[in-house]
């Protein structure tokens, strides 16, 4: 019963993650910001014994997604700062 509740919560979190990832164009693999990486999570119950990354279809949130997002944010911050400076120099 606890496992079922946990699994349902995990399914809901993954659904929310995939929805947000689509909105910021991280998925599908061909999306603008994915840069060829497959960040879409597909829950695989049969892989649970192999670890979290395997259970989530091979998507490593901490090791791949977060660093990728950080790089995107830093890139936008850089572009925004450059544009602001360009406008102020007018």
PDB file of N, CA and C in Angstrom:
ATOM      1  N   UNK A   1       0.821  -1.197   0.000  1.00  0.00           N
ATOM      2  CA  UNK A   1       0.000   0.000   0.000  1.00  0.00           C
ATOM      3  C   UNK A   1       0.868   1.266   0.000  1.00  0.00           C
ATOM      4  N   UNK A   2       1.927   1.274   0.816  1.00  0.00           N
ATOM      5  CA  UNK A   2       2.838   2.418   0.820  1.00  0.00           C
ATOM      6  C   UNK A   2       3.516   2.552  -0.537  1.00  0.00           C
ATOM      7  N   UNK A   3       3.910   1.412  -1.104  1.00  0.00           N
ATOM      8  CA  UNK A   3       4.572   1.431  -2.406  1.00  0.00           C
ATOM      9  C   UNK A   3       3.654   2.022  -3.469  1.00  0.00           C
ATOM     10  N   UNK A   4       2.379   1.648  -3.436  1.00  0.00           N
ATOM     11  CA  UNK A   4       1.416   2.146  -4.418  1.00  0.00           C
ATOM     12  C   UNK A   4       1.265   3.667  -4.291  1.00  0.00           C
ATOM     13  N   UNK A   5       1.152   4.149  -3.060  1.00  0.00           N
ATOM     14  CA  UNK A   5       1.021   5.599  -2.844  1.00  0.00           C
ATOM     15  C   UNK A   5       2.276   6.321  -3.320  1.00  0.00           C
ATOM     16  N   UNK A   6       3.438   5.766  -3.017  1.00  0.00           N
ATOM     17  CA  UNK A   6       4.700   6.364  -3.448  1.00  0.00           C
ATOM     18  C   UNK A   6       4.789   6.375  -4.970  1.00  0.00           C
ATOM     19  N   UNK A   7       4.431   5.277  -5.587  1.00  0.00           N
ATOM     20  CA  UNK A   7       4.492   5.157  -7.034  1.00  0.00           C
ATOM     21  C   UNK A   7       3.556   6.161  -7.706  1.00  0.00           C
ATOM     22  N   UNK A   8       2.353   6.323  -7.163  1.00  0.00           N
ATOM     23  CA  UNK A   8       1.399   7.282  -7.722  1.00  0.00           C
ATOM     24  C   UNK A   8       1.921   8.716  -7.588  1.00  0.00           C
ATOM     25  N   UNK A   9       2.550   9.020  -6.446  1.00  0.00           N
ATOM     26  CA  UNK A   9       3.128  10.345  -6.256  1.00  0.00           C
ATOM     27  C   UNK A   9       4.264  10.562  -7.254  1.00  0.00           C
ATOM     28  N   UNK A  10       5.076   9.553  -7.454  1.00  0.00           N
ATOM     29  CA  UNK A  10       6.183   9.629  -8.398  1.00  0.00           C
ATOM     30  C   UNK A  10       5.660   9.842  -9.821  1.00  0.00           C
ATOM     31  N   UNK A  11       4.626   9.119 -10.194  1.00  0.00           N
ATOM     32  CA  UNK A  11       4.014   9.301 -11.512  1.00  0.00           C
ATOM     33  C   UNK A  11       3.525  10.734 -11.703  1.00  0.00           C
ATOM     34  N   UNK A  12       2.894  11.301 -10.681  1.00  0.00           N
ATOM     35  CA  UNK A  12       2.387  12.667 -10.765  1.00  0.00           C
ATOM     36  C   UNK A  12       3.543  13.666 -10.906  1.00  0.00           C
ATOM     37  N   UNK A  13       4.606  13.472 -10.124  1.00  0.00           N
ATOM     38  CA  UNK A  13       5.767  14.365 -10.206  1.00  0.00           C
ATOM     39  C   UNK A  13       6.429  14.296 -11.582  1.00  0.00           C
ATOM     40  N   UNK A  14       6.504  13.112 -12.142  1.00  0.00           N
ATOM     41  CA  UNK A  14       7.103  12.940 -13.462  1.00  0.00           C
ATOM     42  C   UNK A  14       6.231  13.603 -14.525  1.00  0.00           C
ATOM     43  N   UNK A  15       4.933  13.481 -14.394  1.00  0.00           N
ATOM     44  CA  UNK A  15       4.013  14.134 -15.334  1.00  0.00           C
ATOM     45  C   UNK A  15       4.214  15.650 -15.278  1.00  0.00           C
ATOM     46  N   UNK A  16       4.325  16.204 -14.078  1.00  0.00           N
ATOM     47  CA  UNK A  16       4.545  17.652 -13.924  1.00  0.00           C
ATOM     48  C   UNK A  16       5.902  18.054 -14.506  1.00  0.00           C
ATOM     49  N   UNK A  17       6.927  17.258 -14.232  1.00  0.00           N
ATOM     50  CA  UNK A  17       8.264  17.540 -14.774  1.00  0.00           C
ATOM     51  C   UNK A  17       8.224  17.563 -16.299  1.00  0.00           C
ATOM     52  N   UNK A  18       7.639  16.528 -16.909  1.00  0.00           N
ATOM     53  CA  UNK A  18       7.584  16.452 -18.374  1.00  0.00           C
ATOM     54  C   UNK A  18       6.789  17.622 -18.962  1.00  0.00           C
ATOM     55  N   UNK A  19       5.723  18.034 -18.289  1.00  0.00           N
ATOM     56  CA  UNK A  19       4.942  19.184 -18.763  1.00  0.00           C
ATOM     57  C   UNK A  19       5.794  20.444 -18.744  1.00  0.00           C
ATOM     58  N   UNK A  20       6.493  20.671 -17.634  1.00  0.00           N
ATOM     59  CA  UNK A  20       7.344  21.861 -17.544  1.00  0.00           C
ATOM     60  C   UNK A  20       8.515  21.796 -18.522  1.00  0.00           C
ATOM     61  N   UNK A  21       9.072  20.609 -18.690  1.00  0.00           N
ATOM     62  CA  UNK A  21      10.192  20.446 -19.619  1.00  0.00           C
ATOM     63  C   UNK A  21       9.757  20.765 -21.055  1.00  0.00           C
ATOM     64  N   UNK A  22       8.535  20.420 -21.399  1.00  0.00           N
ATOM     65  CA  UNK A  22       8.013  20.777 -22.726  1.00  0.00           C
ATOM     66  C   UNK A  22       7.850  22.294 -22.844  1.00  0.00           C
ATOM     67  N   UNK A  23       7.363  22.920 -21.779  1.00  0.00           N
ATOM     68  CA  UNK A  23       7.140  24.363 -21.808  1.00  0.00           C
ATOM     69  C   UNK A  23       8.439  25.141 -22.016  1.00  0.00           C
ATOM     70  N   UNK A  24       9.529  24.661 -21.425  1.00  0.00           N
ATOM     71  CA  UNK A  24      10.811  25.363 -21.585  1.00  0.00           C
ATOM     72  C   UNK A  24      11.648  24.763 -22.710  1.00  0.00           C
ATOM     73  N   UNK A  25      11.019  23.924 -23.502  1.00  0.00           N
ATOM     74  CA  UNK A  25      11.615  23.327 -24.690  1.00  0.00           C
ATOM     75  C   UNK A  25      12.848  22.477 -24.404  1.00  0.00           C
ATOM     76  N   UNK A  26      12.745  21.638 -23.350  1.00  0.00           N
ATOM     77  CA  UNK A  26      13.787  20.654 -23.063  1.00  0.00           C
ATOM     78  C   UNK A  26      13.425  19.297 -23.640  1.00  0.00           C
ATOM     79  N   UNK A  27      12.162  19.065 -23.866  1.00  0.00           N
ATOM     80  CA  UNK A  27      11.725  17.826 -24.500  1.00  0.00           C
ATOM     81  C   UNK A  27      10.735  18.186 -25.597  1.00  0.00           C
ATOM     82  N   UNK A  28      10.711  17.383 -26.648  1.00  0.00           N
ATOM     83  CA  UNK A  28      11.458  16.151 -26.905  1.00  0.00           C
ATOM     84  C   UNK A  28      12.933  16.421 -27.211  1.00  0.00           C
ATOM     85  N   UNK A  29      13.614  15.370 -27.526  1.00  0.00           N
ATOM     86  CA  UNK A  29      15.050  15.408 -27.810  1.00  0.00           C
ATOM     87  C   UNK A  29      15.420  16.448 -28.873  1.00  0.00           C
ATOM     88  N   UNK A  30      14.502  16.720 -29.794  1.00  0.00           N
ATOM     89  CA  UNK A  30      14.759  17.673 -30.876  1.00  0.00           C
ATOM     90  C   UNK A  30      14.383  19.105 -30.483  1.00  0.00           C
ATOM     91  N   UNK A  31      13.916  19.311 -29.256  1.00  0.00           N
ATOM     92  CA  UNK A  31      13.481  20.638 -28.809  1.00  0.00           C
ATOM     93  C   UNK A  31      14.651  21.618 -28.795  1.00  0.00           C
ATOM     94  N   UNK A  32      14.303  22.879 -28.880  1.00  0.00           N
ATOM     95  CA  UNK A  32      15.278  23.965 -28.988  1.00  0.00           C
ATOM     96  C   UNK A  32      16.394  23.896 -27.936  1.00  0.00           C
ATOM     97  N   UNK A  33      16.039  23.671 -26.691  1.00  0.00           N
ATOM     98  CA  UNK A  33      17.031  23.710 -25.617  1.00  0.00           C
ATOM     99  C   UNK A  33      17.556  22.329 -25.208  1.00  0.00           C
ATOM    100  N   UNK A  34      17.051  21.282 -25.814  1.00  0.00           N
ATOM    101  CA  UNK A  34      17.510  19.930 -25.464  1.00  0.00           C
ATOM    102  C   UNK A  34      18.907  19.656 -26.008  1.00  0.00           C
ATOM    103  N   UNK A  35      19.227  20.287 -27.124  1.00  0.00           N
ATOM    104  CA  UNK A  35      20.525  20.106 -27.778  1.00  0.00           C
ATOM    105  C   UNK A  35      20.855  18.621 -27.986  1.00  0.00           C
ATOM    106  N   UNK A  36      19.831  17.863 -28.390  1.00  0.00           N
ATOM    107  CA  UNK A  36      20.022  16.448 -28.694  1.00  0.00           C
ATOM    108  C   UNK A  36      19.949  15.514 -27.501  1.00  0.00           C
ATOM    109  N   UNK A  37      19.821  16.059 -26.289  1.00  0.00           N
ATOM    110  CA  UNK A  37      19.717  15.225 -25.087  1.00  0.00           C
ATOM    111  C   UNK A  37      18.280  14.770 -24.898  1.00  0.00           C
ATOM    112  N   UNK A  38      18.118  13.572 -24.380  1.00  0.00           N
ATOM    113  CA  UNK A  38      16.775  13.049 -24.102  1.00  0.00           C
ATOM    114  C   UNK A  38      16.481  13.252 -22.624  1.00  0.00           C
ATOM    115  N   UNK A  39      15.732  14.316 -22.302  1.00  0.00           N
ATOM    116  CA  UNK A  39      15.424  14.652 -20.916  1.00  0.00           C
ATOM    117  C   UNK A  39      14.022  14.215 -20.494  1.00  0.00           C
ATOM    118  N   UNK A  40      13.302  13.530 -21.369  1.00  0.00           N
ATOM    119  CA  UNK A  40      11.948  13.093 -21.024  1.00  0.00           C
ATOM    120  C   UNK A  40      12.020  11.867 -20.115  1.00  0.00           C
ATOM    121  N   UNK A  41      11.283  11.931 -19.009  1.00  0.00           N
ATOM    122  CA  UNK A  41      11.279  10.831 -18.047  1.00  0.00           C
ATOM    123  C   UNK A  41      10.139   9.877 -18.356  1.00  0.00           C
ATOM    124  N   UNK A  42      10.464   8.619 -18.424  1.00  0.00           N
ATOM    125  CA  UNK A  42       9.495   7.548 -18.590  1.00  0.00           C
ATOM    126  C   UNK A  42       9.700   6.587 -17.429  1.00  0.00           C
ATOM    127  N   UNK A  43       8.723   6.461 -16.571  1.00  0.00           N
ATOM    128  CA  UNK A  43       8.842   5.614 -15.389  1.00  0.00           C
ATOM    129  C   UNK A  43       8.798   4.139 -15.776  1.00  0.00           C
ATOM    130  N   UNK A  44       9.793   3.412 -15.318  1.00  0.00           N
ATOM    131  CA  UNK A  44       9.893   1.985 -15.629  1.00  0.00           C
ATOM    132  C   UNK A  44       9.987   1.200 -14.324  1.00  0.00           C
ATOM    133  N   UNK A  45       8.837   0.653 -13.893  1.00  0.00           N
ATOM    134  CA  UNK A  45       8.777  -0.081 -12.625  1.00  0.00           C
ATOM    135  C   UNK A  45       9.776  -1.226 -12.570  1.00  0.00           C
ATOM    136  N   UNK A  46       9.946  -1.924 -13.678  1.00  0.00           N
ATOM    137  CA  UNK A  46      10.807  -3.096 -13.688  1.00  0.00           C
ATOM    138  C   UNK A  46      12.282  -2.753 -13.501  1.00  0.00           C
ATOM    139  N   UNK A  47      12.629  -1.477 -13.593  1.00  0.00           N
ATOM    140  CA  UNK A  47      14.023  -1.047 -13.432  1.00  0.00           C
ATOM    141  C   UNK A  47      14.301  -0.478 -12.036  1.00  0.00           C
ATOM    142  N   UNK A  48      13.312  -0.517 -11.152  1.00  0.00           N
ATOM    143  CA  UNK A  48      13.461   0.073  -9.822  1.00  0.00           C
ATOM    144  C   UNK A  48      14.640  -0.517  -9.051  1.00  0.00           C
ATOM    145  N   UNK A  49      14.875  -1.804  -9.209  1.00  0.00           N
ATOM    146  CA  UNK A  49      15.987  -2.432  -8.483  1.00  0.00           C
ATOM    147  C   UNK A  49      17.348  -1.992  -9.022  1.00  0.00           C
ATOM    148  N   UNK A  50      17.374  -1.443 -10.227  1.00  0.00           N
ATOM    149  CA  UNK A  50      18.632  -0.995 -10.833  1.00  0.00           C
ATOM    150  C   UNK A  50      19.027   0.422 -10.412  1.00  0.00           C
ATOM    151  N   UNK A  51      18.114   1.103  -9.719  1.00  0.00           N
ATOM    152  CA  UNK A  51      18.407   2.456  -9.261  1.00  0.00           C
ATOM    153  C   UNK A  51      17.449   3.485  -9.843  1.00  0.00           C
ATOM    154  N   UNK A  52      17.500   4.673  -9.274  1.00  0.00           N
ATOM    155  CA  UNK A  52      16.568   5.733  -9.644  1.00  0.00           C
ATOM    156  C   UNK A  52      16.716   6.152 -11.101  1.00  0.00           C
ATOM    157  N   UNK A  53      17.943   6.341 -11.564  1.00  0.00           N
ATOM    158  CA  UNK A  53      18.151   6.789 -12.945  1.00  0.00           C
ATOM    159  C   UNK A  53      17.585   5.767 -13.929  1.00  0.00           C
ATOM    160  N   UNK A  54      17.841   4.499 -13.692  1.00  0.00           N
ATOM    161  CA  UNK A  54      17.293   3.455 -14.568  1.00  0.00           C
ATOM    162  C   UNK A  54      15.780   3.438 -14.521  1.00  0.00           C
ATOM    163  N   UNK A  55      15.222   3.594 -13.327  1.00  0.00           N
ATOM    164  CA  UNK A  55      13.772   3.568 -13.167  1.00  0.00           C
ATOM    165  C   UNK A  55      13.127   4.750 -13.888  1.00  0.00           C
ATOM    166  N   UNK A  56      13.853   5.851 -14.036  1.00  0.00           N
ATOM    167  CA  UNK A  56      13.316   7.038 -14.701  1.00  0.00           C
ATOM    168  C   UNK A  56      13.730   7.090 -16.164  1.00  0.00           C
ATOM    169  N   UNK A  57      13.943   5.952 -16.758  1.00  0.00           N
ATOM    170  CA  UNK A  57      14.225   5.870 -18.186  1.00  0.00           C
ATOM    171  C   UNK A  57      15.610   6.360 -18.570  1.00  0.00           C
ATOM    172  N   UNK A  58      16.525   6.371 -17.612  1.00  0.00           N
ATOM    173  CA  UNK A  58      17.896   6.783 -17.899  1.00  0.00           C
ATOM    174  C   UNK A  58      18.161   8.269 -17.748  1.00  0.00           C
ATOM    175  N   UNK A  59      17.165   9.028 -17.302  1.00  0.00           N
ATOM    176  CA  UNK A  59      17.339  10.478 -17.134  1.00  0.00           C
ATOM    177  C   UNK A  59      17.921  10.754 -15.752  1.00  0.00           C
ATOM    178  N   UNK A  60      19.093  11.359 -15.735  1.00  0.00           N
ATOM    179  CA  UNK A  60      19.779  11.704 -14.493  1.00  0.00           C
ATOM    180  C   UNK A  60      19.505  13.176 -14.181  1.00  0.00           C
ATOM    181  N   UNK A  61      18.544  13.413 -13.300  1.00  0.00           N
ATOM    182  CA  UNK A  61      18.137  14.791 -12.975  1.00  0.00           C
ATOM    183  C   UNK A  61      19.312  15.576 -12.407  1.00  0.00           C
ATOM    184  N   UNK A  62      19.959  15.045 -11.389  1.00  0.00           N
ATOM    185  CA  UNK A  62      21.044  15.779 -10.720  1.00  0.00           C
ATOM    186  C   UNK A  62      22.290  15.882 -11.584  1.00  0.00           C
ATOM    187  N   UNK A  63      22.612  14.833 -12.295  1.00  0.00           N
ATOM    188  CA  UNK A  63      23.859  14.806 -13.047  1.00  0.00           C
ATOM    189  C   UNK A  63      23.790  15.385 -14.450  1.00  0.00           C
ATOM    190  N   UNK A  64      22.596  15.443 -15.035  1.00  0.00           N
ATOM    191  CA  UNK A  64      22.490  15.918 -16.422  1.00  0.00           C
ATOM    192  C   UNK A  64      21.519  17.083 -16.582  1.00  0.00           C
ATOM    193  N   UNK A  65      20.304  16.946 -16.053  1.00  0.00           N
ATOM    194  CA  UNK A  65      19.285  17.968 -16.287  1.00  0.00           C
ATOM    195  C   UNK A  65      19.621  19.272 -15.563  1.00  0.00           C
ATOM    196  N   UNK A  66      19.935  19.192 -14.277  1.00  0.00           N
ATOM    197  CA  UNK A  66      20.224  20.416 -13.519  1.00  0.00           C
ATOM    198  C   UNK A  66      21.419  21.180 -14.086  1.00  0.00           C
ATOM    199  N   UNK A  67      22.540  20.528 -14.383  1.00  0.00           N
ATOM    200  CA  UNK A  67      23.650  21.277 -14.983  1.00  0.00           C
ATOM    201  C   UNK A  67      23.288  21.891 -16.340  1.00  0.00           C
ATOM    202  N   UNK A  68      22.494  21.180 -17.123  1.00  0.00           N
ATOM    203  CA  UNK A  68      22.069  21.692 -18.426  1.00  0.00           C
ATOM    204  C   UNK A  68      21.209  22.943 -18.239  1.00  0.00           C
ATOM    205  N   UNK A  69      20.271  22.894 -17.301  1.00  0.00           N
ATOM    206  CA  UNK A  69      19.427  24.049 -17.029  1.00  0.00           C
ATOM    207  C   UNK A  69      20.245  25.230 -16.505  1.00  0.00           C
ATOM    208  N   UNK A  70      21.204  24.942 -15.642  1.00  0.00           N
ATOM    209  CA  UNK A  70      22.059  25.996 -15.106  1.00  0.00           C
ATOM    210  C   UNK A  70      22.804  26.699 -16.244  1.00  0.00           C
ATOM    211  N   UNK A  71      23.312  25.918 -17.182  1.00  0.00           N
ATOM    212  CA  UNK A  71      24.028  26.477 -18.317  1.00  0.00           C
ATOM    213  C   UNK A  71      23.093  27.354 -19.167  1.00  0.00           C
ATOM    214  N   UNK A  72      21.861  26.902 -19.375  1.00  0.00           N
ATOM    215  CA  UNK A  72      20.889  27.691 -20.134  1.00  0.00           C
ATOM    216  C   UNK A  72      20.581  29.014 -19.442  1.00  0.00           C
ATOM    217  N   UNK A  73      20.358  28.959 -18.138  1.00  0.00           N
ATOM    218  CA  UNK A  73      20.041  30.167 -17.371  1.00  0.00           C
ATOM    219  C   UNK A  73      21.212  31.140 -17.427  1.00  0.00           C
ATOM    220  N   UNK A  74      22.419  30.640 -17.240  1.00  0.00           N
ATOM    221  CA  UNK A  74      23.597  31.507 -17.298  1.00  0.00           C
ATOM    222  C   UNK A  74      23.755  32.137 -18.683  1.00  0.00           C
ATOM    223  N   UNK A  75      23.448  31.385 -19.712  1.00  0.00           N
ATOM    224  CA  UNK A  75      23.517  31.916 -21.069  1.00  0.00           C
ATOM    225  C   UNK A  75      22.515  33.040 -21.280  1.00  0.00           C
ATOM    226  N   UNK A  76      21.296  32.847 -20.778  1.00  0.00           N
ATOM    227  CA  UNK A  76      20.289  33.895 -20.903  1.00  0.00           C
ATOM    228  C   UNK A  76      20.652  35.117 -20.069  1.00  0.00           C
ATOM    229  N   UNK A  77      21.221  34.884 -18.888  1.00  0.00           N
ATOM    230  CA  UNK A  77      21.642  36.015 -18.061  1.00  0.00           C
ATOM    231  C   UNK A  77      22.718  36.823 -18.784  1.00  0.00           C
ATOM    232  N   UNK A  78      23.641  36.150 -19.400  1.00  0.00           N
ATOM    233  CA  UNK A  78      24.716  36.808 -20.143  1.00  0.00           C
ATOM    234  C   UNK A  78      24.138  37.626 -21.305  1.00  0.00           C
ATOM    235  N   UNK A  79      23.249  37.007 -22.068  1.00  0.00           N
ATOM    236  CA  UNK A  79      22.626  37.699 -23.195  1.00  0.00           C
ATOM    237  C   UNK A  79      21.810  38.904 -22.733  1.00  0.00           C
ATOM    238  N   UNK A  80      21.084  38.742 -21.635  1.00  0.00           N
ATOM    239  CA  UNK A  80      20.277  39.827 -21.091  1.00  0.00           C
ATOM    240  C   UNK A  80      21.156  40.991 -20.641  1.00  0.00           C
ATOM    241  N   UNK A  81      22.237  40.680 -19.963  1.00  0.00           N
ATOM    242  CA  UNK A  81      23.162  41.715 -19.502  1.00  0.00           C
ATOM    243  C   UNK A  81      23.785  42.456 -20.687  1.00  0.00           C
ATOM    244  N   UNK A  82      24.180  41.723 -21.702  1.00  0.00           N
ATOM    245  CA  UNK A  82      24.752  42.354 -22.901  1.00  0.00           C
ATOM    246  C   UNK A  82      23.738  43.266 -23.586  1.00  0.00           C
ATOM    247  N   UNK A  83      22.509  42.814 -23.690  1.00  0.00           N
ATOM    248  CA  UNK A  83      21.469  43.620 -24.330  1.00  0.00           C
ATOM    249  C   UNK A  83      21.184  44.872 -23.498  1.00  0.00           C
ATOM    250  N   UNK A  84      21.150  44.709 -22.190  1.00  0.00           N
ATOM    251  CA  UNK A  84      20.916  45.861 -21.313  1.00  0.00           C
ATOM    252  C   UNK A  84      22.030  46.890 -21.495  1.00  0.00           C
ATOM    253  N   UNK A  85      23.262  46.428 -21.512  1.00  0.00           N
ATOM    254  CA  UNK A  85      24.392  47.334 -21.706  1.00  0.00           C
ATOM    255  C   UNK A  85      24.334  48.019 -23.063  1.00  0.00           C
ATOM    256  N   UNK A  86      23.951  47.295 -24.088  1.00  0.00           N
ATOM    257  CA  UNK A  86      23.838  47.864 -25.430  1.00  0.00           C
ATOM    258  C   UNK A  86      22.791  48.967 -25.464  1.00  0.00           C
ATOM    259  N   UNK A  87      21.657  48.731 -24.809  1.00  0.00           N
ATOM    260  CA  UNK A  87      20.584  49.725 -24.770  1.00  0.00           C
ATOM    261  C   UNK A  87      21.024  50.965 -23.975  1.00  0.00           C
ATOM    262  N   UNK A  88      21.719  50.754 -22.877  1.00  0.00           N
ATOM    263  CA  UNK A  88      22.161  51.881 -22.048  1.00  0.00           C
ATOM    264  C   UNK A  88      23.227  52.728 -22.736  1.00  0.00           C
ATOM    265  N   UNK A  89      23.966  52.135 -23.644  1.00  0.00           N
ATOM    266  CA  UNK A  89      25.021  52.863 -24.340  1.00  0.00           C
ATOM    267  C   UNK A  89      24.494  53.795 -25.422  1.00  0.00           C
ATOM    268  N   UNK A  90      23.249  53.680 -25.770  1.00  0.00           N
ATOM    269  CA  UNK A  90      22.657  54.503 -26.827  1.00  0.00           C
ATOM    270  C   UNK A  90      22.582  55.954 -26.443  1.00  0.00           C
TER     271      UNK A  90
END
